PDB file of N, CA and C in Angstrom:
ATOM      1  N   MET A   1      83.401 114.784 108.376  1.00  0.00           N
ATOM      2  CA  MET A   1      81.977 114.898 108.149  1.00  0.00           C
ATOM      3  C   MET A   1      81.247 114.327 109.371  1.00  0.00           C
ATOM      4  N   ARG A   2      80.317 115.060 109.861  1.00  0.00           N
ATOM      5  CA  ARG A   2      79.541 114.667 111.031  1.00  0.00           C
ATOM      6  C   ARG A   2      78.602 113.506 110.697  1.00  0.00           C
ATOM      7  N   PRO A   3      78.213 112.705 111.703  1.00  0.00           N
ATOM      8  CA  PRO A   3      77.351 111.551 111.440  1.00  0.00           C
ATOM      9  C   PRO A   3      75.990 111.913 110.851  1.00  0.00           C
ATOM     10  N   ALA A   4      75.378 112.973 111.327  1.00  0.00           N
ATOM     11  CA  ALA A   4      74.054 113.350 110.812  1.00  0.00           C
ATOM     12  C   ALA A   4      74.132 113.780 109.354  1.00  0.00           C
ATOM     13  N   LYS A   5      75.161 114.532 109.020  1.00  0.00           N
ATOM     14  CA  LYS A   5      75.343 114.973 107.635  1.00  0.00           C
ATOM     15  C   LYS A   5      75.625 113.778 106.729  1.00  0.00           C
ATOM     16  N   PHE A   6      76.479 112.872 107.197  1.00  0.00           N
ATOM     17  CA  PHE A   6      76.770 111.662 106.437  1.00  0.00           C
ATOM     18  C   PHE A   6      75.506 110.845 106.222  1.00  0.00           C
ATOM     19  N   PHE A   7      74.719 110.678 107.279  1.00  0.00           N
ATOM     20  CA  PHE A   7      73.492 109.895 107.185  1.00  0.00           C
ATOM     21  C   PHE A   7      72.532 110.475 106.157  1.00  0.00           C
ATOM     22  N   MET A   8      72.306 111.772 106.231  1.00  0.00           N
ATOM     23  CA  MET A   8      71.346 112.411 105.310  1.00  0.00           C
ATOM     24  C   MET A   8      71.839 112.362 103.859  1.00  0.00           C
ATOM     25  N   LEU A   9      73.108 112.691 103.646  1.00  0.00           N
ATOM     26  CA  LEU A   9      73.647 112.678 102.286  1.00  0.00           C
ATOM     27  C   LEU A   9      73.673 111.271 101.699  1.00  0.00           C
ATOM     28  N   TYR A  10      74.186 110.319 102.473  1.00  0.00           N
ATOM     29  CA  TYR A  10      74.310 108.956 101.961  1.00  0.00           C
ATOM     30  C   TYR A  10      72.942 108.340 101.707  1.00  0.00           C
ATOM     31  N   LEU A  11      72.020 108.558 102.617  1.00  0.00           N
ATOM     32  CA  LEU A  11      70.674 108.010 102.442  1.00  0.00           C
ATOM     33  C   LEU A  11      69.972 108.641 101.244  1.00  0.00           C
ATOM     34  N   SER A  12      70.145 109.934 101.047  1.00  0.00           N
ATOM     35  CA  SER A  12      69.524 110.621  99.914  1.00  0.00           C
ATOM     36  C   SER A  12      70.058 110.108  98.586  1.00  0.00           C
ATOM     37  N   PHE A  13      71.372 110.009  98.483  1.00  0.00           N
ATOM     38  CA  PHE A  13      71.951 109.564  97.217  1.00  0.00           C
ATOM     39  C   PHE A  13      71.711 108.074  96.966  1.00  0.00           C
ATOM     40  N   SER A  14      71.731 107.253  98.001  1.00  0.00           N
ATOM     41  CA  SER A  14      71.448 105.837  97.775  1.00  0.00           C
ATOM     42  C   SER A  14      69.971 105.638  97.412  1.00  0.00           C
ATOM     43  N   GLY A  15      69.110 106.476  97.934  1.00  0.00           N
ATOM     44  CA  GLY A  15      67.706 106.424  97.532  1.00  0.00           C
ATOM     45  C   GLY A  15      67.504 106.828  96.086  1.00  0.00           C
ATOM     46  N   LEU A  16      68.354 107.722  95.597  1.00  0.00           N
ATOM     47  CA  LEU A  16      68.267 108.123  94.186  1.00  0.00           C
ATOM     48  C   LEU A  16      68.540 106.963  93.238  1.00  0.00           C
ATOM     49  N   THR A  17      69.369 106.019  93.629  1.00  0.00           N
ATOM     50  CA  THR A  17      69.649 104.888  92.741  1.00  0.00           C
ATOM     51  C   THR A  17      68.384 104.081  92.477  1.00  0.00           C
ATOM     52  N   TYR A  18      67.545 103.928  93.490  1.00  0.00           N
ATOM     53  CA  TYR A  18      66.279 103.217  93.303  1.00  0.00           C
ATOM     54  C   TYR A  18      65.302 104.067  92.489  1.00  0.00           C
ATOM     55  N   PHE A  19      65.350 105.372  92.704  1.00  0.00           N
ATOM     56  CA  PHE A  19      64.481 106.274  91.961  1.00  0.00           C
ATOM     57  C   PHE A  19      64.799 106.239  90.466  1.00  0.00           C
ATOM     58  N   TRP A  20      66.096 106.236  90.103  1.00  0.00           N
ATOM     59  CA  TRP A  20      66.462 106.193  88.682  1.00  0.00           C
ATOM     60  C   TRP A  20      65.977 104.898  88.037  1.00  0.00           C
ATOM     61  N   ARG A  21      66.099 103.788  88.753  1.00  0.00           N
ATOM     62  CA  ARG A  21      65.605 102.510  88.211  1.00  0.00           C
ATOM     63  C   ARG A  21      64.093 102.539  88.042  1.00  0.00           C
ATOM     64  N   LEU A  22      63.403 103.131  88.981  1.00  0.00           N
ATOM     65  CA  LEU A  22      61.941 103.221  88.893  1.00  0.00           C
ATOM     66  C   LEU A  22      61.521 104.067  87.699  1.00  0.00           C
ATOM     67  N   ILE A  23      62.187 105.185  87.476  1.00  0.00           N
ATOM     68  CA  ILE A  23      61.889 106.033  86.319  1.00  0.00           C
ATOM     69  C   ILE A  23      62.152 105.281  85.022  1.00  0.00           C
ATOM     70  N   PHE A  24      63.254 104.527  84.973  1.00  0.00           N
ATOM     71  CA  PHE A  24      63.575 103.750  83.776  1.00  0.00           C
ATOM     72  C   PHE A  24      62.491 102.720  83.482  1.00  0.00           C
ATOM     73  N   ILE A  25      62.045 102.013  84.503  1.00  0.00           N
ATOM     74  CA  ILE A  25      61.013 100.999  84.303  1.00  0.00           C
ATOM     75  C   ILE A  25      59.692 101.641  83.898  1.00  0.00           C
ATOM     76  N   ALA A  26      59.357 102.773  84.506  1.00  0.00           N
ATOM     77  CA  ALA A  26      58.093 103.449  84.188  1.00  0.00           C
ATOM     78  C   ALA A  26      58.076 103.962  82.753  1.00  0.00           C
ATOM     79  N   THR A  27      59.194 104.504  82.288  1.00  0.00           N
ATOM     80  CA  THR A  27      59.207 105.033  80.925  1.00  0.00           C
ATOM     81  C   THR A  27      59.411 103.943  79.872  1.00  0.00           C
ATOM     82  N   ALA A  28      59.909 102.799  80.278  1.00  0.00           N
ATOM     83  CA  ALA A  28      60.136 101.719  79.305  1.00  0.00           C
ATOM     84  C   ALA A  28      58.830 101.149  78.764  1.00  0.00           C
ATOM     85  N   PHE A  29      57.755 101.276  79.517  1.00  0.00           N
ATOM     86  CA  PHE A  29      56.474 100.723  79.080  1.00  0.00           C
ATOM     87  C   PHE A  29      55.631 101.693  78.258  1.00  0.00           C
ATOM     88  N   GLU A  30      56.117 102.905  78.069  1.00  0.00           N
ATOM     89  CA  GLU A  30      55.391 103.839  77.213  1.00  0.00           C
ATOM     90  C   GLU A  30      55.649 103.479  75.753  1.00  0.00           C
ATOM     91  N   PRO A  31      54.626 103.567  74.907  1.00  0.00           N
ATOM     92  CA  PRO A  31      54.790 103.093  73.525  1.00  0.00           C
ATOM     93  C   PRO A  31      55.722 103.953  72.667  1.00  0.00           C
ATOM     94  N   THR A  32      55.881 105.210  72.981  1.00  0.00           N
ATOM     95  CA  THR A  32      56.700 106.087  72.136  1.00  0.00           C
ATOM     96  C   THR A  32      58.117 106.274  72.672  1.00  0.00           C
ATOM     97  N   THR A  33      58.527 105.454  73.608  1.00  0.00           N
ATOM     98  CA  THR A  33      59.823 105.623  74.245  1.00  0.00           C
ATOM     99  C   THR A  33      60.917 104.909  73.459  1.00  0.00           C
ATOM    100  N   ASP A  34      62.025 105.627  73.241  1.00  0.00           N
ATOM    101  CA  ASP A  34      63.215 105.004  72.675  1.00  0.00           C
ATOM    102  C   ASP A  34      64.022 104.437  73.840  1.00  0.00           C
ATOM    103  N   ILE A  35      63.974 103.128  73.998  1.00  0.00           N
ATOM    104  CA  ILE A  35      64.528 102.468  75.173  1.00  0.00           C
ATOM    105  C   ILE A  35      66.038 102.645  75.286  1.00  0.00           C
ATOM    106  N   ASP A  36      66.741 102.744  74.157  1.00  0.00           N
ATOM    107  CA  ASP A  36      68.198 102.888  74.203  1.00  0.00           C
ATOM    108  C   ASP A  36      68.613 104.224  74.810  1.00  0.00           C
ATOM    109  N   ILE A  37      67.929 105.286  74.429  1.00  0.00           N
ATOM    110  CA  ILE A  37      68.250 106.609  74.967  1.00  0.00           C
ATOM    111  C   ILE A  37      67.940 106.680  76.462  1.00  0.00           C
ATOM    112  N   ILE A  38      66.824 106.125  76.862  1.00  0.00           N
ATOM    113  CA  ILE A  38      66.446 106.116  78.277  1.00  0.00           C
ATOM    114  C   ILE A  38      67.441 105.285  79.083  1.00  0.00           C
ATOM    115  N   ASN A  39      67.892 104.164  78.518  1.00  0.00           N
ATOM    116  CA  ASN A  39      68.865 103.318  79.213  1.00  0.00           C
ATOM    117  C   ASN A  39      70.198 104.045  79.399  1.00  0.00           C
ATOM    118  N   ILE A  40      70.672 104.727  78.375  1.00  0.00           N
ATOM    119  CA  ILE A  40      71.931 105.472  78.483  1.00  0.00           C
ATOM    120  C   ILE A  40      71.805 106.605  79.508  1.00  0.00           C
ATOM    121  N   ALA A  41      70.678 107.305  79.482  1.00  0.00           N
ATOM    122  CA  ALA A  41      70.470 108.390  80.446  1.00  0.00           C
ATOM    123  C   ALA A  41      70.427 107.850  81.873  1.00  0.00           C
ATOM    124  N   THR A  42      69.748 106.719  82.060  1.00  0.00           N
ATOM    125  CA  THR A  42      69.681 106.115  83.394  1.00  0.00           C
ATOM    126  C   THR A  42      71.060 105.674  83.873  1.00  0.00           C
ATOM    127  N   GLN A  43      71.843 105.071  82.991  1.00  0.00           N
ATOM    128  CA  GLN A  43      73.186 104.629  83.366  1.00  0.00           C
ATOM    129  C   GLN A  43      74.075 105.817  83.745  1.00  0.00           C
ATOM    130  N   CYS A  44      73.969 106.909  83.000  1.00  0.00           N
ATOM    131  CA  CYS A  44      74.758 108.109  83.329  1.00  0.00           C
ATOM    132  C   CYS A  44      74.363 108.672  84.688  1.00  0.00           C
ATOM    133  N   LEU A  45      73.073 108.742  84.953  1.00  0.00           N
ATOM    134  CA  LEU A  45      72.613 109.230  86.253  1.00  0.00           C
ATOM    135  C   LEU A  45      73.076 108.314  87.383  1.00  0.00           C
ATOM    136  N   MET A  46      73.053 107.009  87.131  1.00  0.00           N
ATOM    137  CA  MET A  46      73.513 106.057  88.143  1.00  0.00           C
ATOM    138  C   MET A  46      75.012 106.223  88.408  1.00  0.00           C
ATOM    139  N   ILE A  47      75.795 106.429  87.358  1.00  0.00           N
ATOM    140  CA  ILE A  47      77.239 106.618  87.525  1.00  0.00           C
ATOM    141  C   ILE A  47      77.529 107.862  88.358  1.00  0.00           C
ATOM    142  N   PHE A  48      76.864 108.968  88.052  1.00  0.00           N
ATOM    143  CA  PHE A  48      77.076 110.197  88.821  1.00  0.00           C
ATOM    144  C   PHE A  48      76.622 110.031  90.272  1.00  0.00           C
ATOM    145  N   THR A  49      75.533 109.312  90.476  1.00  0.00           N
ATOM    146  CA  THR A  49      75.045 109.083  91.831  1.00  0.00           C
ATOM    147  C   THR A  49      76.023 108.232  92.626  1.00  0.00           C
ATOM    148  N   TYR A  50      76.545 107.189  92.004  1.00  0.00           N
ATOM    149  CA  TYR A  50      77.508 106.339  92.719  1.00  0.00           C
ATOM    150  C   TYR A  50      78.840 107.049  92.939  1.00  0.00           C
ATOM    151  N   LEU A  51      79.232 107.914  92.030  1.00  0.00           N
ATOM    152  CA  LEU A  51      80.442 108.713  92.271  1.00  0.00           C
ATOM    153  C   LEU A  51      80.255 109.619  93.484  1.00  0.00           C
ATOM    154  N   ALA A  52      79.061 110.182  93.619  1.00  0.00           N
ATOM    155  CA  ALA A  52      78.768 111.012  94.799  1.00  0.00           C
ATOM    156  C   ALA A  52      78.785 110.161  96.069  1.00  0.00           C
ATOM    157  N   LEU A  53      78.229 108.946  96.001  1.00  0.00           N
ATOM    158  CA  LEU A  53      78.250 108.059  97.169  1.00  0.00           C
ATOM    159  C   LEU A  53      79.674 107.672  97.553  1.00  0.00           C
ATOM    160  N   ILE A  54      80.511 107.409  96.565  1.00  0.00           N
ATOM    161  CA  ILE A  54      81.902 107.058  96.844  1.00  0.00           C
ATOM    162  C   ILE A  54      82.618 108.234  97.500  1.00  0.00           C
ATOM    163  N   TYR A  55      82.364 109.432  97.003  1.00  0.00           N
ATOM    164  CA  TYR A  55      83.006 110.621  97.585  1.00  0.00           C
ATOM    165  C   TYR A  55      82.523 110.876  99.017  1.00  0.00           C
ATOM    166  N   ILE A  56      81.235 110.718  99.258  1.00  0.00           N
ATOM    167  CA  ILE A  56      80.688 110.903 100.609  1.00  0.00           C
ATOM    168  C   ILE A  56      81.286 109.873 101.560  1.00  0.00           C
ATOM    169  N   ALA A  57      81.365 108.629 101.108  1.00  0.00           N
ATOM    170  CA  ALA A  57      81.952 107.577 101.949  1.00  0.00           C
ATOM    171  C   ALA A  57      83.448 107.823 102.172  1.00  0.00           C
ATOM    172  N   TYR A  58      84.121 108.359 101.170  1.00  0.00           N
ATOM    173  CA  TYR A  58      85.537 108.686 101.322  1.00  0.00           C
ATOM    174  C   TYR A  58      85.735 109.758 102.396  1.00  0.00           C
ATOM    175  N   LEU A  59      84.927 110.801 102.349  1.00  0.00           N
ATOM    176  CA  LEU A  59      85.046 111.876 103.344  1.00  0.00           C
ATOM    177  C   LEU A  59      84.754 111.369 104.753  1.00  0.00           C
ATOM    178  N   ARG A  60      83.714 110.574 104.893  1.00  0.00           N
ATOM    179  CA  ARG A  60      83.379 110.046 106.224  1.00  0.00           C
ATOM    180  C   ARG A  60      84.442 109.059 106.693  1.00  0.00           C
ATOM    181  N   GLY A  61      84.925 108.206 105.795  1.00  0.00           N
ATOM    182  CA  GLY A  61      85.959 107.249 106.157  1.00  0.00           C
ATOM    183  C   GLY A  61      87.248 107.926 106.577  1.00  0.00           C
ATOM    184  N   LYS A  62      87.577 109.000 105.906  1.00  0.00           N
ATOM    185  CA  LYS A  62      88.771 109.764 106.263  1.00  0.00           C
ATOM    186  C   LYS A  62      88.596 110.423 107.638  1.00  0.00           C
ATOM    187  N   TYR A  63      87.391 110.873 107.921  1.00  0.00           N
ATOM    188  CA  TYR A  63      87.108 111.555 109.189  1.00  0.00           C
ATOM    189  C   TYR A  63      87.181 110.589 110.373  1.00  0.00           C
ATOM    190  N   ILE A  64      86.694 109.355 110.178  1.00  0.00           N
ATOM    191  CA  ILE A  64      86.661 108.406 111.301  1.00  0.00           C
ATOM    192  C   ILE A  64      87.820 107.410 111.267  1.00  0.00           C
ATOM    193  N   GLY A  65      88.684 107.522 110.275  1.00  0.00           N
ATOM    194  CA  GLY A  65      89.846 106.645 110.211  1.00  0.00           C
ATOM    195  C   GLY A  65      89.579 105.282 109.604  1.00  0.00           C
ATOM    196  N   LYS A  66      88.524 105.176 108.799  1.00  0.00           N
ATOM    197  CA  LYS A  66      88.199 103.913 108.117  1.00  0.00           C
ATOM    198  C   LYS A  66      88.226 104.177 106.615  1.00  0.00           C
ATOM    199  N   ASN A  67      89.432 104.174 106.071  1.00  0.00           N
ATOM    200  CA  ASN A  67      89.604 104.533 104.669  1.00  0.00           C
ATOM    201  C   ASN A  67      88.999 103.522 103.706  1.00  0.00           C
ATOM    202  N   TYR A  68      88.704 102.325 104.172  1.00  0.00           N
ATOM    203  CA  TYR A  68      88.107 101.308 103.318  1.00  0.00           C
ATOM    204  C   TYR A  68      86.615 101.532 103.075  1.00  0.00           C
ATOM    205  N   LEU A  69      86.023 102.499 103.720  1.00  0.00           N
ATOM    206  CA  LEU A  69      84.580 102.724 103.623  1.00  0.00           C
ATOM    207  C   LEU A  69      84.141 103.027 102.194  1.00  0.00           C
ATOM    208  N   MET A  70      84.991 103.668 101.415  1.00  0.00           N
ATOM    209  CA  MET A  70      84.610 104.031 100.048  1.00  0.00           C
ATOM    210  C   MET A  70      84.546 102.827  99.120  1.00  0.00           C
ATOM    211  N   ILE A  71      85.084 101.690  99.525  1.00  0.00           N
ATOM    212  CA  ILE A  71      85.041 100.492  98.689  1.00  0.00           C
ATOM    213  C   ILE A  71      83.618  99.935  98.613  1.00  0.00           C
ATOM    214  N   LEU A  72      82.854 100.086  99.669  1.00  0.00           N
ATOM    215  CA  LEU A  72      81.506  99.523  99.711  1.00  0.00           C
ATOM    216  C   LEU A  72      80.569 100.133  98.660  1.00  0.00           C
ATOM    217  N   PRO A  73      80.469 101.476  98.531  1.00  0.00           N
ATOM    218  CA  PRO A  73      79.620 101.990  97.451  1.00  0.00           C
ATOM    219  C   PRO A  73      80.198 101.702  96.065  1.00  0.00           C
ATOM    220  N   PHE A  74      81.519 101.530  95.973  1.00  0.00           N
ATOM    221  CA  PHE A  74      82.120 101.163  94.693  1.00  0.00           C
ATOM    222  C   PHE A  74      81.643  99.774  94.256  1.00  0.00           C
ATOM    223  N   ILE A  75      81.670  98.816  95.179  1.00  0.00           N
ATOM    224  CA  ILE A  75      81.177  97.471  94.876  1.00  0.00           C
ATOM    225  C   ILE A  75      79.684  97.500  94.567  1.00  0.00           C
ATOM    226  N   ALA A  76      78.936  98.284  95.327  1.00  0.00           N
ATOM    227  CA  ALA A  76      77.498  98.409  95.072  1.00  0.00           C
ATOM    228  C   ALA A  76      77.247  98.962  93.676  1.00  0.00           C
ATOM    229  N   GLY A  77      78.034  99.945  93.277  1.00  0.00           N
ATOM    230  CA  GLY A  77      77.883 100.522  91.942  1.00  0.00           C
ATOM    231  C   GLY A  77      78.218  99.535  90.842  1.00  0.00           C
ATOM    232  N   LEU A  78      79.256  98.747  91.049  1.00  0.00           N
ATOM    233  CA  LEU A  78      79.597  97.729  90.048  1.00  0.00           C
ATOM    234  C   LEU A  78      78.464  96.730  89.859  1.00  0.00           C
ATOM    235  N   PHE A  79      77.909  96.270  90.970  1.00  0.00           N
ATOM    236  CA  PHE A  79      76.806  95.322  90.853  1.00  0.00           C
ATOM    237  C   PHE A  79      75.556  95.976  90.283  1.00  0.00           C
ATOM    238  N   ASP A  80      75.310  97.228  90.642  1.00  0.00           N
ATOM    239  CA  ASP A  80      74.103  97.902  90.179  1.00  0.00           C
ATOM    240  C   ASP A  80      74.183  98.262  88.697  1.00  0.00           C
ATOM    241  N   LEU A  81      75.376  98.555  88.208  1.00  0.00           N
ATOM    242  CA  LEU A  81      75.514  98.965  86.819  1.00  0.00           C
ATOM    243  C   LEU A  81      75.802  97.801  85.870  1.00  0.00           C
ATOM    244  N   MET A  82      76.479  96.776  86.350  1.00  0.00           N
ATOM    245  CA  MET A  82      76.855  95.684  85.459  1.00  0.00           C
ATOM    246  C   MET A  82      75.969  94.457  85.592  1.00  0.00           C
ATOM    247  N   ILE A  83      75.566  94.144  86.787  1.00  0.00           N
ATOM    248  CA  ILE A  83      74.704  92.980  87.012  1.00  0.00           C
ATOM    249  C   ILE A  83      73.402  93.507  87.596  1.00  0.00           C
ATOM    250  N   THR A  84      72.537  93.991  86.754  1.00  0.00           N
ATOM    251  CA  THR A  84      71.344  94.704  87.219  1.00  0.00           C
ATOM    252  C   THR A  84      70.276  93.789  87.790  1.00  0.00           C
ATOM    253  N   THR A  85      70.396  92.486  87.589  1.00  0.00           N
ATOM    254  CA  THR A  85      69.364  91.586  88.098  1.00  0.00           C
ATOM    255  C   THR A  85      69.561  91.242  89.571  1.00  0.00           C
ATOM    256  N   VAL A  86      70.741  91.517  90.112  1.00  0.00           N
ATOM    257  CA  VAL A  86      71.016  91.217  91.519  1.00  0.00           C
ATOM    258  C   VAL A  86      70.859  92.511  92.314  1.00  0.00           C
ATOM    259  N   LEU A  87      69.673  92.733  92.846  1.00  0.00           N
ATOM    260  CA  LEU A  87      69.411  93.969  93.582  1.00  0.00           C
ATOM    261  C   LEU A  87      69.825  93.883  95.044  1.00  0.00           C
ATOM    262  N   LEU A  88      70.019  92.693  95.545  1.00  0.00           N
ATOM    263  CA  LEU A  88      70.325  92.535  96.954  1.00  0.00           C
ATOM    264  C   LEU A  88      71.738  93.006  97.300  1.00  0.00           C
ATOM    265  N   VAL A  89      72.703  92.780  96.428  1.00  0.00           N
ATOM    266  CA  VAL A  89      74.092  93.145  96.723  1.00  0.00           C
ATOM    267  C   VAL A  89      74.259  94.661  96.883  1.00  0.00           C
ATOM    268  N   PRO A  90      73.765  95.500  95.955  1.00  0.00           N
ATOM    269  CA  PRO A  90      73.910  96.945  96.175  1.00  0.00           C
ATOM    270  C   PRO A  90      73.199  97.425  97.445  1.00  0.00           C
ATOM    271  N   THR A  91      72.066  96.839  97.745  1.00  0.00           N
ATOM    272  CA  THR A  91      71.344  97.229  98.956  1.00  0.00           C
ATOM    273  C   THR A  91      72.145  96.876 100.201  1.00  0.00           C
ATOM    274  N   VAL A  92      72.687  95.670 100.242  1.00  0.00           N
ATOM    275  CA  VAL A  92      73.479  95.242 101.404  1.00  0.00           C
ATOM    276  C   VAL A  92      74.737  96.101 101.530  1.00  0.00           C
ATOM    277  N   MET A  93      75.392  96.395 100.418  1.00  0.00           N
ATOM    278  CA  MET A  93      76.609  97.213 100.455  1.00  0.00           C
ATOM    279  C   MET A  93      76.309  98.629 100.952  1.00  0.00           C
ATOM    280  N   ASN A  94      75.213  99.208 100.490  1.00  0.00           N
ATOM    281  CA  ASN A  94      74.862 100.564 100.919  1.00  0.00           C
ATOM    282  C   ASN A  94      74.471 100.605 102.393  1.00  0.00           C
ATOM    283  N   VAL A  95      73.724  99.616 102.847  1.00  0.00           N
ATOM    284  CA  VAL A  95      73.347  99.574 104.265  1.00  0.00           C
ATOM    285  C   VAL A  95      74.579  99.343 105.130  1.00  0.00           C
ATOM    286  N   THR A  96      75.486  98.482 104.665  1.00  0.00           N
ATOM    287  CA  THR A  96      76.724  98.228 105.415  1.00  0.00           C
ATOM    288  C   THR A  96      77.575  99.492 105.508  1.00  0.00           C
ATOM    289  N   ALA A  97      77.709 100.209 104.398  1.00  0.00           N
ATOM    290  CA  ALA A  97      78.474 101.459 104.412  1.00  0.00           C
ATOM    291  C   ALA A  97      77.837 102.476 105.351  1.00  0.00           C
ATOM    292  N   LEU A  98      76.525 102.529 105.354  1.00  0.00           N
ATOM    293  CA  LEU A  98      75.823 103.456 106.238  1.00  0.00           C
ATOM    294  C   LEU A  98      76.051 103.088 107.705  1.00  0.00           C
ATOM    295  N   CYS A  99      75.970 101.805 108.027  1.00  0.00           N
ATOM    296  CA  CYS A  99      76.171 101.367 109.415  1.00  0.00           C
ATOM    297  C   CYS A  99      77.608 101.583 109.874  1.00  0.00           C
ATOM    298  N   ILE A 100      78.568 101.225 109.029  1.00  0.00           N
ATOM    299  CA  ILE A 100      79.974 101.409 109.408  1.00  0.00           C
ATOM    300  C   ILE A 100      80.296 102.894 109.532  1.00  0.00           C
ATOM    301  N   GLY A 101      79.747 103.698 108.632  1.00  0.00           N
ATOM    302  CA  GLY A 101      80.001 105.130 108.681  1.00  0.00           C
ATOM    303  C   GLY A 101      79.392 105.805 109.894  1.00  0.00           C
ATOM    304  N   LEU A 102      78.290 105.269 110.390  1.00  0.00           N
ATOM    305  CA  LEU A 102      77.650 105.875 111.558  1.00  0.00           C
ATOM    306  C   LEU A 102      78.246 105.386 112.862  1.00  0.00           C
ATOM    307  N   TYR A 103      78.777 104.178 112.862  1.00  0.00           N
ATOM    308  CA  TYR A 103      79.354 103.632 114.084  1.00  0.00           C
ATOM    309  C   TYR A 103      80.776 104.148 114.232  1.00  0.00           C
ATOM    310  N   HIS A 104      80.989 104.889 115.273  1.00  0.00           N
ATOM    311  CA  HIS A 104      82.312 105.434 115.534  1.00  0.00           C
ATOM    312  C   HIS A 104      82.465 105.612 117.026  1.00  0.00           C
ATOM    313  N   LYS A 105      83.431 104.894 117.590  1.00  0.00           N
ATOM    314  CA  LYS A 105      83.675 105.028 119.026  1.00  0.00           C
ATOM    315  C   LYS A 105      84.377 106.340 119.303  1.00  0.00           C
ATOM    316  N   ALA A 106      83.931 107.001 120.320  1.00  0.00           N
ATOM    317  CA  ALA A 106      84.616 108.223 120.745  1.00  0.00           C
ATOM    318  C   ALA A 106      85.904 107.823 121.449  1.00  0.00           C
ATOM    319  N   GLU A 107      86.953 108.516 121.126  1.00  0.00           N
ATOM    320  CA  GLU A 107      88.233 108.207 121.750  1.00  0.00           C
ATOM    321  C   GLU A 107      88.218 108.693 123.193  1.00  0.00           C
ATOM    322  N   VAL A 108      88.624 107.826 124.082  1.00  0.00           N
ATOM    323  CA  VAL A 108      88.666 108.175 125.504  1.00  0.00           C
ATOM    324  C   VAL A 108      90.027 108.787 125.789  1.00  0.00           C
ATOM    325  N   ARG A 109      90.004 109.993 126.273  1.00  0.00           N
ATOM    326  CA  ARG A 109      91.255 110.690 126.610  1.00  0.00           C
ATOM    327  C   ARG A 109      91.552 110.479 128.083  1.00  0.00           C
ATOM    328  N   GLU A 110      92.784 110.157 128.324  1.00  0.00           N
ATOM    329  CA  GLU A 110      93.179 109.989 129.724  1.00  0.00           C
ATOM    330  C   GLU A 110      93.371 111.371 130.335  1.00  0.00           C
ATOM    331  N   SER A 111      92.854 111.518 131.522  1.00  0.00           N
ATOM    332  CA  SER A 111      92.993 112.811 132.176  1.00  0.00           C
ATOM    333  C   SER A 111      94.420 112.950 132.727  1.00  0.00           C
ATOM    334  N   GLU A 112      94.870 114.154 132.678  1.00  0.00           N
ATOM    335  CA  GLU A 112      96.222 114.443 133.198  1.00  0.00           C
ATOM    336  C   GLU A 112      96.150 114.486 134.712  1.00  0.00           C
ATOM    337  N   PRO A 113      97.201 113.980 135.355  1.00  0.00           N
ATOM    338  CA  PRO A 113      97.188 114.028 136.840  1.00  0.00           C
ATOM    339  C   PRO A 113      97.244 115.459 137.324  1.00  0.00           C
ATOM    340  N   VAL A 114      96.529 115.707 138.357  1.00  0.00           N
ATOM    341  CA  VAL A 114      96.497 117.039 138.957  1.00  0.00           C
ATOM    342  C   VAL A 114      97.712 117.174 139.873  1.00  0.00           C
ATOM    343  N   SER A 115      98.485 118.223 139.667  1.00  0.00           N
ATOM    344  CA  SER A 115      99.660 118.390 140.524  1.00  0.00           C
ATOM    345  C   SER A 115      99.482 119.509 141.521  1.00  0.00           C
TER     346      SER A 115
END
């Protein structure tokens, strides 16, 4: 996966995690809202979003030779889904995955001697 494609996909899906939380908070204050149904729907959307982030990080990690890259969105998802009051950890994990995924040294090829 190319860096630009990785950047756009990862940034879009990580932005969706904040969007789902915002929608949940906005609908929770409406008087006719069943909070349990909205919470389950939000959790399902978050799970699918984090699965997409893990897959995107897996593809990029495989491409650049950093197979551990998919662990970062996995940890972010665990903190975002289980410990919802700590917003800093998922943000740091997603930014770290984005930075590691974008940083890739080009391999220097030695030129063959001219005979």
